[in-house]
Amino acid sequence: QQLYRHGKAYRFIFGFSAVSVMYLVVV
């Protein structure tokens, strides 16, 4: 929510937002 509302990410995996990468893994 914080990433998509405010564009802030605090964790990264090779330059990508960790939450986005991990949601992809979860799906």
PDB file of all heavy atoms in Angstrom:
ATOM      1  N   GLN A   1       0.839  -1.204   0.000  1.00  0.00           N
ATOM      2  CA  GLN A   1       0.000   0.000   0.000  1.00  0.00           C
ATOM      3  C   GLN A   1       0.872   1.252   0.000  1.00  0.00           C
ATOM      4  O   GLN A   1       0.614   2.196  -0.745  1.00  0.00           O
ATOM      5  CB  GLN A   1      -0.901   0.019   1.235  1.00  0.00           C
ATOM      6  CG  GLN A   1      -2.233  -0.596   1.032  1.00  0.00           C
ATOM      7  CD  GLN A   1      -3.104  -0.378   2.253  1.00  0.00           C
ATOM      8  OE1 GLN A   1      -2.629  -0.395   3.390  1.00  0.00           O
ATOM      9  NE2 GLN A   1      -4.379  -0.187   2.023  1.00  0.00           N
ATOM     10  N   GLN A   2       1.878   1.257   0.851  1.00  0.00           N
ATOM     11  CA  GLN A   2       2.767   2.410   0.935  1.00  0.00           C
ATOM     12  C   GLN A   2       3.501   2.627  -0.389  1.00  0.00           C
ATOM     13  O   GLN A   2       3.654   3.753  -0.839  1.00  0.00           O
ATOM     14  CB  GLN A   2       3.775   2.203   2.064  1.00  0.00           C
ATOM     15  CG  GLN A   2       4.678   3.387   2.277  1.00  0.00           C
ATOM     16  CD  GLN A   2       5.582   3.186   3.489  1.00  0.00           C
ATOM     17  OE1 GLN A   2       5.527   2.154   4.145  1.00  0.00           O
ATOM     18  NE2 GLN A   2       6.401   4.165   3.769  1.00  0.00           N
ATOM     19  N   LEU A   3       3.915   1.556  -1.014  1.00  0.00           N
ATOM     20  CA  LEU A   3       4.619   1.674  -2.287  1.00  0.00           C
ATOM     21  C   LEU A   3       3.712   2.258  -3.363  1.00  0.00           C
ATOM     22  O   LEU A   3       4.113   3.175  -4.094  1.00  0.00           O
ATOM     23  CB  LEU A   3       5.153   0.300  -2.729  1.00  0.00           C
ATOM     24  CG  LEU A   3       5.796   0.251  -4.114  1.00  0.00           C
ATOM     25  CD1 LEU A   3       7.079   1.080  -4.134  1.00  0.00           C
ATOM     26  CD2 LEU A   3       6.071  -1.178  -4.522  1.00  0.00           C
ATOM     27  N   TYR A   4       2.502   1.768  -3.458  1.00  0.00           N
ATOM     28  CA  TYR A   4       1.637   2.191  -4.548  1.00  0.00           C
ATOM     29  C   TYR A   4       0.899   3.497  -4.260  1.00  0.00           C
ATOM     30  O   TYR A   4       0.477   4.164  -5.185  1.00  0.00           O
ATOM     31  CB  TYR A   4       0.681   1.066  -4.931  1.00  0.00           C
ATOM     32  CG  TYR A   4       1.457  -0.076  -5.530  1.00  0.00           C
ATOM     33  CD1 TYR A   4       1.591  -1.283  -4.875  1.00  0.00           C
ATOM     34  CD2 TYR A   4       2.129   0.085  -6.737  1.00  0.00           C
ATOM     35  CE1 TYR A   4       2.342  -2.311  -5.415  1.00  0.00           C
ATOM     36  CE2 TYR A   4       2.888  -0.935  -7.284  1.00  0.00           C
ATOM     37  CZ  TYR A   4       2.986  -2.126  -6.618  1.00  0.00           C
ATOM     38  OH  TYR A   4       3.746  -3.137  -7.154  1.00  0.00           O
ATOM     39  N   ARG A   5       0.743   3.872  -3.005  1.00  0.00           N
ATOM     40  CA  ARG A   5       0.130   5.167  -2.696  1.00  0.00           C
ATOM     41  C   ARG A   5       1.143   6.300  -2.722  1.00  0.00           C
ATOM     42  O   ARG A   5       0.870   7.383  -3.214  1.00  0.00           O
ATOM     43  CB  ARG A   5      -0.537   5.122  -1.320  1.00  0.00           C
ATOM     44  CG  ARG A   5      -1.846   4.412  -1.329  1.00  0.00           C
ATOM     45  CD  ARG A   5      -2.543   4.603  -0.012  1.00  0.00           C
ATOM     46  NE  ARG A   5      -3.805   3.867  -0.018  1.00  0.00           N
ATOM     47  CZ  ARG A   5      -4.469   3.598   1.068  1.00  0.00           C
ATOM     48  NH1 ARG A   5      -4.010   3.967   2.247  1.00  0.00           N
ATOM     49  NH2 ARG A   5      -5.597   2.936   0.986  1.00  0.00           N
ATOM     50  N   HIS A   6       2.328   6.048  -2.150  1.00  0.00           N
ATOM     51  CA  HIS A   6       3.311   7.114  -1.986  1.00  0.00           C
ATOM     52  C   HIS A   6       4.574   6.914  -2.823  1.00  0.00           C
ATOM     53  O   HIS A   6       5.432   7.779  -2.849  1.00  0.00           O
ATOM     54  CB  HIS A   6       3.700   7.258  -0.514  1.00  0.00           C
ATOM     55  CG  HIS A   6       2.519   7.429   0.391  1.00  0.00           C
ATOM     56  ND1 HIS A   6       1.711   8.552   0.367  1.00  0.00           N
ATOM     57  CD2 HIS A   6       1.985   6.608   1.330  1.00  0.00           C
ATOM     58  CE1 HIS A   6       0.738   8.417   1.261  1.00  0.00           C
ATOM     59  NE2 HIS A   6       0.884   7.238   1.860  1.00  0.00           N
ATOM     60  N   GLY A   7       4.716   5.749  -3.435  1.00  0.00           N
ATOM     61  CA  GLY A   7       5.890   5.482  -4.257  1.00  0.00           C
ATOM     62  C   GLY A   7       7.163   5.259  -3.461  1.00  0.00           C
ATOM     63  O   GLY A   7       8.260   5.403  -3.991  1.00  0.00           O
ATOM     64  N   LYS A   8       7.024   4.903  -2.177  1.00  0.00           N
ATOM     65  CA  LYS A   8       8.195   4.704  -1.319  1.00  0.00           C
ATOM     66  C   LYS A   8       8.411   3.215  -1.058  1.00  0.00           C
ATOM     67  O   LYS A   8       7.523   2.515  -0.605  1.00  0.00           O
ATOM     68  CB  LYS A   8       8.019   5.425   0.012  1.00  0.00           C
ATOM     69  CG  LYS A   8       7.983   6.922  -0.118  1.00  0.00           C
ATOM     70  CD  LYS A   8       7.837   7.560   1.239  1.00  0.00           C
ATOM     71  CE  LYS A   8       7.738   9.078   1.087  1.00  0.00           C
ATOM     72  NZ  LYS A   8       7.540   9.718   2.383  1.00  0.00           N
ATOM     73  N   ALA A   9       9.604   2.765  -1.342  1.00  0.00           N
ATOM     74  CA  ALA A   9       9.994   1.394  -1.024  1.00  0.00           C
ATOM     75  C   ALA A   9      11.286   1.457  -0.222  1.00  0.00           C
ATOM     76  O   ALA A   9      12.166   2.265  -0.500  1.00  0.00           O
ATOM     77  CB  ALA A   9      10.204   0.593  -2.300  1.00  0.00           C
ATOM     78  N   TYR A  10      11.363   0.617   0.795  1.00  0.00           N
ATOM     79  CA  TYR A  10      12.538   0.636   1.675  1.00  0.00           C
ATOM     80  C   TYR A  10      13.399  -0.608   1.537  1.00  0.00           C
ATOM     81  O   TYR A  10      14.503  -0.645   2.018  1.00  0.00           O
ATOM     82  CB  TYR A  10      12.100   0.811   3.130  1.00  0.00           C
ATOM     83  CG  TYR A  10      11.374   2.106   3.352  1.00  0.00           C
ATOM     84  CD1 TYR A  10      10.005   2.141   3.517  1.00  0.00           C
ATOM     85  CD2 TYR A  10      12.071   3.320   3.361  1.00  0.00           C
ATOM     86  CE1 TYR A  10       9.342   3.338   3.717  1.00  0.00           C
ATOM     87  CE2 TYR A  10      11.414   4.520   3.547  1.00  0.00           C
ATOM     88  CZ  TYR A  10      10.049   4.520   3.727  1.00  0.00           C
ATOM     89  OH  TYR A  10       9.398   5.699   3.897  1.00  0.00           O
ATOM     90  N   ARG A  11      12.853  -1.635   0.913  1.00  0.00           N
ATOM     91  CA  ARG A  11      13.594  -2.877   0.713  1.00  0.00           C
ATOM     92  C   ARG A  11      13.680  -3.133  -0.782  1.00  0.00           C
ATOM     93  O   ARG A  11      12.707  -2.963  -1.505  1.00  0.00           O
ATOM     94  CB  ARG A  11      12.873  -4.048   1.375  1.00  0.00           C
ATOM     95  CG  ARG A  11      12.741  -3.900   2.863  1.00  0.00           C
ATOM     96  CD  ARG A  11      11.802  -4.959   3.373  1.00  0.00           C
ATOM     97  NE  ARG A  11      12.507  -5.834   4.279  1.00  0.00           N
ATOM     98  CZ  ARG A  11      11.984  -6.884   4.858  1.00  0.00           C
ATOM     99  NH1 ARG A  11      10.749  -7.233   4.584  1.00  0.00           N
ATOM    100  NH2 ARG A  11      12.680  -7.621   5.677  1.00  0.00           N
ATOM    101  N   PHE A  12      14.841  -3.597  -1.208  1.00  0.00           N
ATOM    102  CA  PHE A  12      15.042  -3.826  -2.634  1.00  0.00           C
ATOM    103  C   PHE A  12      15.698  -5.173  -2.884  1.00  0.00           C
ATOM    104  O   PHE A  12      16.437  -5.688  -2.052  1.00  0.00           O
ATOM    105  CB  PHE A  12      15.921  -2.721  -3.234  1.00  0.00           C
ATOM    106  CG  PHE A  12      15.275  -1.368  -3.177  1.00  0.00           C
ATOM    107  CD1 PHE A  12      15.538  -0.501  -2.130  1.00  0.00           C
ATOM    108  CD2 PHE A  12      14.383  -0.984  -4.165  1.00  0.00           C
ATOM    109  CE1 PHE A  12      14.923   0.727  -2.071  1.00  0.00           C
ATOM    110  CE2 PHE A  12      13.770   0.249  -4.112  1.00  0.00           C
ATOM    111  CZ  PHE A  12      14.040   1.121  -3.058  1.00  0.00           C
ATOM    112  N   ILE A  13      15.402  -5.715  -4.053  1.00  0.00           N
ATOM    113  CA  ILE A  13      16.064  -6.919  -4.542  1.00  0.00           C
ATOM    114  C   ILE A  13      16.568  -6.574  -5.942  1.00  0.00           C
ATOM    115  O   ILE A  13      15.782  -6.447  -6.878  1.00  0.00           O
ATOM    116  CB  ILE A  13      15.113  -8.130  -4.572  1.00  0.00           C
ATOM    117  CG1 ILE A  13      14.657  -8.466  -3.151  1.00  0.00           C
ATOM    118  CG2 ILE A  13      15.780  -9.326  -5.230  1.00  0.00           C
ATOM    119  CD1 ILE A  13      13.671  -9.605  -3.051  1.00  0.00           C
ATOM    120  N   PHE A  14      17.869  -6.362  -6.036  1.00  0.00           N
ATOM    121  CA  PHE A  14      18.527  -5.991  -7.291  1.00  0.00           C
ATOM    122  C   PHE A  14      17.855  -4.801  -7.979  1.00  0.00           C
ATOM    123  O   PHE A  14      17.595  -4.823  -9.168  1.00  0.00           O
ATOM    124  CB  PHE A  14      18.628  -7.183  -8.239  1.00  0.00           C
ATOM    125  CG  PHE A  14      19.486  -8.283  -7.717  1.00  0.00           C
ATOM    126  CD1 PHE A  14      18.952  -9.509  -7.374  1.00  0.00           C
ATOM    127  CD2 PHE A  14      20.852  -8.082  -7.541  1.00  0.00           C
ATOM    128  CE1 PHE A  14      19.751 -10.514  -6.875  1.00  0.00           C
ATOM    129  CE2 PHE A  14      21.663  -9.087  -7.040  1.00  0.00           C
ATOM    130  CZ  PHE A  14      21.110 -10.299  -6.707  1.00  0.00           C
ATOM    131  N   GLY A  15      17.547  -3.789  -7.201  1.00  0.00           N
ATOM    132  CA  GLY A  15      16.993  -2.560  -7.749  1.00  0.00           C
ATOM    133  C   GLY A  15      15.484  -2.535  -7.864  1.00  0.00           C
ATOM    134  O   GLY A  15      14.903  -1.483  -8.128  1.00  0.00           O
ATOM    135  N   PHE A  16      14.830  -3.647  -7.683  1.00  0.00           N
ATOM    136  CA  PHE A  16      13.370  -3.695  -7.733  1.00  0.00           C
ATOM    137  C   PHE A  16      12.823  -3.677  -6.310  1.00  0.00           C
ATOM    138  O   PHE A  16      13.455  -4.167  -5.382  1.00  0.00           O
ATOM    139  CB  PHE A  16      12.884  -4.973  -8.430  1.00  0.00           C
ATOM    140  CG  PHE A  16      13.294  -5.063  -9.866  1.00  0.00           C
ATOM    141  CD1 PHE A  16      14.357  -5.865 -10.244  1.00  0.00           C
ATOM    142  CD2 PHE A  16      12.620  -4.342 -10.842  1.00  0.00           C
ATOM    143  CE1 PHE A  16      14.742  -5.961 -11.561  1.00  0.00           C
ATOM    144  CE2 PHE A  16      12.996  -4.428 -12.168  1.00  0.00           C
ATOM    145  CZ  PHE A  16      14.062  -5.234 -12.531  1.00  0.00           C
ATOM    146  N   SER A  17      11.637  -3.148  -6.159  1.00  0.00           N
ATOM    147  CA  SER A  17      10.994  -3.132  -4.854  1.00  0.00           C
ATOM    148  C   SER A  17      10.810  -4.569  -4.372  1.00  0.00           C
ATOM    149  O   SER A  17      10.256  -5.418  -5.087  1.00  0.00           O
ATOM    150  CB  SER A  17       9.637  -2.440  -4.966  1.00  0.00           C
ATOM    151  OG  SER A  17       8.831  -2.752  -3.875  1.00  0.00           O
ATOM    152  N   ALA A  18      11.270  -4.852  -3.160  1.00  0.00           N
ATOM    153  CA  ALA A  18      11.190  -6.218  -2.622  1.00  0.00           C
ATOM    154  C   ALA A  18       9.744  -6.681  -2.499  1.00  0.00           C
ATOM    155  O   ALA A  18       9.436  -7.842  -2.776  1.00  0.00           O
ATOM    156  CB  ALA A  18      11.889  -6.295  -1.271  1.00  0.00           C
ATOM    157  N   VAL A  19       8.854  -5.771  -2.123  1.00  0.00           N
ATOM    158  CA  VAL A  19       7.456  -6.178  -1.959  1.00  0.00           C
ATOM    159  C   VAL A  19       6.846  -6.551  -3.307  1.00  0.00           C
ATOM    160  O   VAL A  19       6.071  -7.508  -3.406  1.00  0.00           O
ATOM    161  CB  VAL A  19       6.632  -5.090  -1.221  1.00  0.00           C
ATOM    162  CG1 VAL A  19       6.381  -3.875  -2.087  1.00  0.00           C
ATOM    163  CG2 VAL A  19       5.331  -5.657  -0.700  1.00  0.00           C
ATOM    164  N   SER A  20       7.204  -5.876  -4.377  1.00  0.00           N
ATOM    165  CA  SER A  20       6.690  -6.225  -5.706  1.00  0.00           C
ATOM    166  C   SER A  20       7.218  -7.582  -6.157  1.00  0.00           C
ATOM    167  O   SER A  20       6.464  -8.413  -6.672  1.00  0.00           O
ATOM    168  CB  SER A  20       7.092  -5.169  -6.730  1.00  0.00           C
ATOM    169  OG  SER A  20       6.569  -3.923  -6.389  1.00  0.00           O
ATOM    170  N   VAL A  21       8.497  -7.791  -5.960  1.00  0.00           N
ATOM    171  CA  VAL A  21       9.102  -9.063  -6.362  1.00  0.00           C
ATOM    172  C   VAL A  21       8.494 -10.206  -5.558  1.00  0.00           C
ATOM    173  O   VAL A  21       8.141 -11.259  -6.112  1.00  0.00           O
ATOM    174  CB  VAL A  21      10.636  -9.019  -6.173  1.00  0.00           C
ATOM    175  CG1 VAL A  21      11.263 -10.394  -6.383  1.00  0.00           C
ATOM    176  CG2 VAL A  21      11.259  -7.995  -7.106  1.00  0.00           C
ATOM    177  N   MET A  22       8.328 -10.005  -4.262  1.00  0.00           N
ATOM    178  CA  MET A  22       7.821 -11.081  -3.422  1.00  0.00           C
ATOM    179  C   MET A  22       6.333 -11.340  -3.676  1.00  0.00           C
ATOM    180  O   MET A  22       5.877 -12.475  -3.569  1.00  0.00           O
ATOM    181  CB  MET A  22       8.090 -10.785  -1.950  1.00  0.00           C
ATOM    182  CG  MET A  22       9.587 -10.741  -1.617  1.00  0.00           C
ATOM    183  SD  MET A  22      10.582 -12.067  -2.340  1.00  0.00           S
ATOM    184  CE  MET A  22      10.074 -13.434  -1.357  1.00  0.00           C
ATOM    185  N   TYR A  23       5.565 -10.298  -4.022  1.00  0.00           N
ATOM    186  CA  TYR A  23       4.169 -10.534  -4.396  1.00  0.00           C
ATOM    187  C   TYR A  23       4.099 -11.353  -5.679  1.00  0.00           C
ATOM    188  O   TYR A  23       3.230 -12.217  -5.827  1.00  0.00           O
ATOM    189  CB  TYR A  23       3.385  -9.234  -4.563  1.00  0.00           C
ATOM    190  CG  TYR A  23       2.507  -8.927  -3.377  1.00  0.00           C
ATOM    191  CD1 TYR A  23       2.737  -7.825  -2.579  1.00  0.00           C
ATOM    192  CD2 TYR A  23       1.437  -9.753  -3.041  1.00  0.00           C
ATOM    193  CE1 TYR A  23       1.939  -7.538  -1.488  1.00  0.00           C
ATOM    194  CE2 TYR A  23       0.628  -9.485  -1.954  1.00  0.00           C
ATOM    195  CZ  TYR A  23       0.887  -8.377  -1.183  1.00  0.00           C
ATOM    196  OH  TYR A  23       0.096  -8.114  -0.096  1.00  0.00           O
ATOM    197  N   LEU A  24       5.001 -11.105  -6.592  1.00  0.00           N
ATOM    198  CA  LEU A  24       5.060 -11.909  -7.809  1.00  0.00           C
ATOM    199  C   LEU A  24       5.363 -13.369  -7.466  1.00  0.00           C
ATOM    200  O   LEU A  24       4.734 -14.293  -8.000  1.00  0.00           O
ATOM    201  CB  LEU A  24       6.109 -11.351  -8.769  1.00  0.00           C
ATOM    202  CG  LEU A  24       6.272 -12.088 -10.090  1.00  0.00           C
ATOM    203  CD1 LEU A  24       5.004 -11.996 -10.919  1.00  0.00           C
ATOM    204  CD2 LEU A  24       7.447 -11.519 -10.853  1.00  0.00           C
ATOM    205  N   VAL A  25       6.295 -13.577  -6.549  1.00  0.00           N
ATOM    206  CA  VAL A  25       6.626 -14.929  -6.099  1.00  0.00           C
ATOM    207  C   VAL A  25       5.408 -15.577  -5.447  1.00  0.00           C
ATOM    208  O   VAL A  25       5.100 -16.754  -5.705  1.00  0.00           O
ATOM    209  CB  VAL A  25       7.827 -14.913  -5.133  1.00  0.00           C
ATOM    210  CG1 VAL A  25       8.009 -16.254  -4.438  1.00  0.00           C
ATOM    211  CG2 VAL A  25       9.089 -14.515  -5.867  1.00  0.00           C
ATOM    212  N   VAL A  26       4.688 -14.825  -4.619  1.00  0.00           N
ATOM    213  CA  VAL A  26       3.506 -15.362  -3.936  1.00  0.00           C
ATOM    214  C   VAL A  26       2.439 -15.767  -4.954  1.00  0.00           C
ATOM    215  O   VAL A  26       1.841 -16.847  -4.842  1.00  0.00           O
ATOM    216  CB  VAL A  26       2.946 -14.341  -2.914  1.00  0.00           C
ATOM    217  CG1 VAL A  26       1.553 -14.720  -2.463  1.00  0.00           C
ATOM    218  CG2 VAL A  26       3.870 -14.229  -1.720  1.00  0.00           C
ATOM    219  N   VAL A  27       2.208 -14.941  -5.950  1.00  0.00           N
ATOM    220  CA  VAL A  27       1.181 -15.249  -6.956  1.00  0.00           C
ATOM    221  C   VAL A  27       1.555 -16.508  -7.747  1.00  0.00           C
ATOM    222  O   VAL A  27       0.726 -17.394  -7.940  1.00  0.00           O
ATOM    223  CB  VAL A  27       0.968 -14.036  -7.893  1.00  0.00           C
ATOM    224  CG1 VAL A  27       0.166 -14.408  -9.118  1.00  0.00           C
ATOM    225  CG2 VAL A  27       0.292 -12.901  -7.142  1.00  0.00           C
TER     226      VAL A  27
END
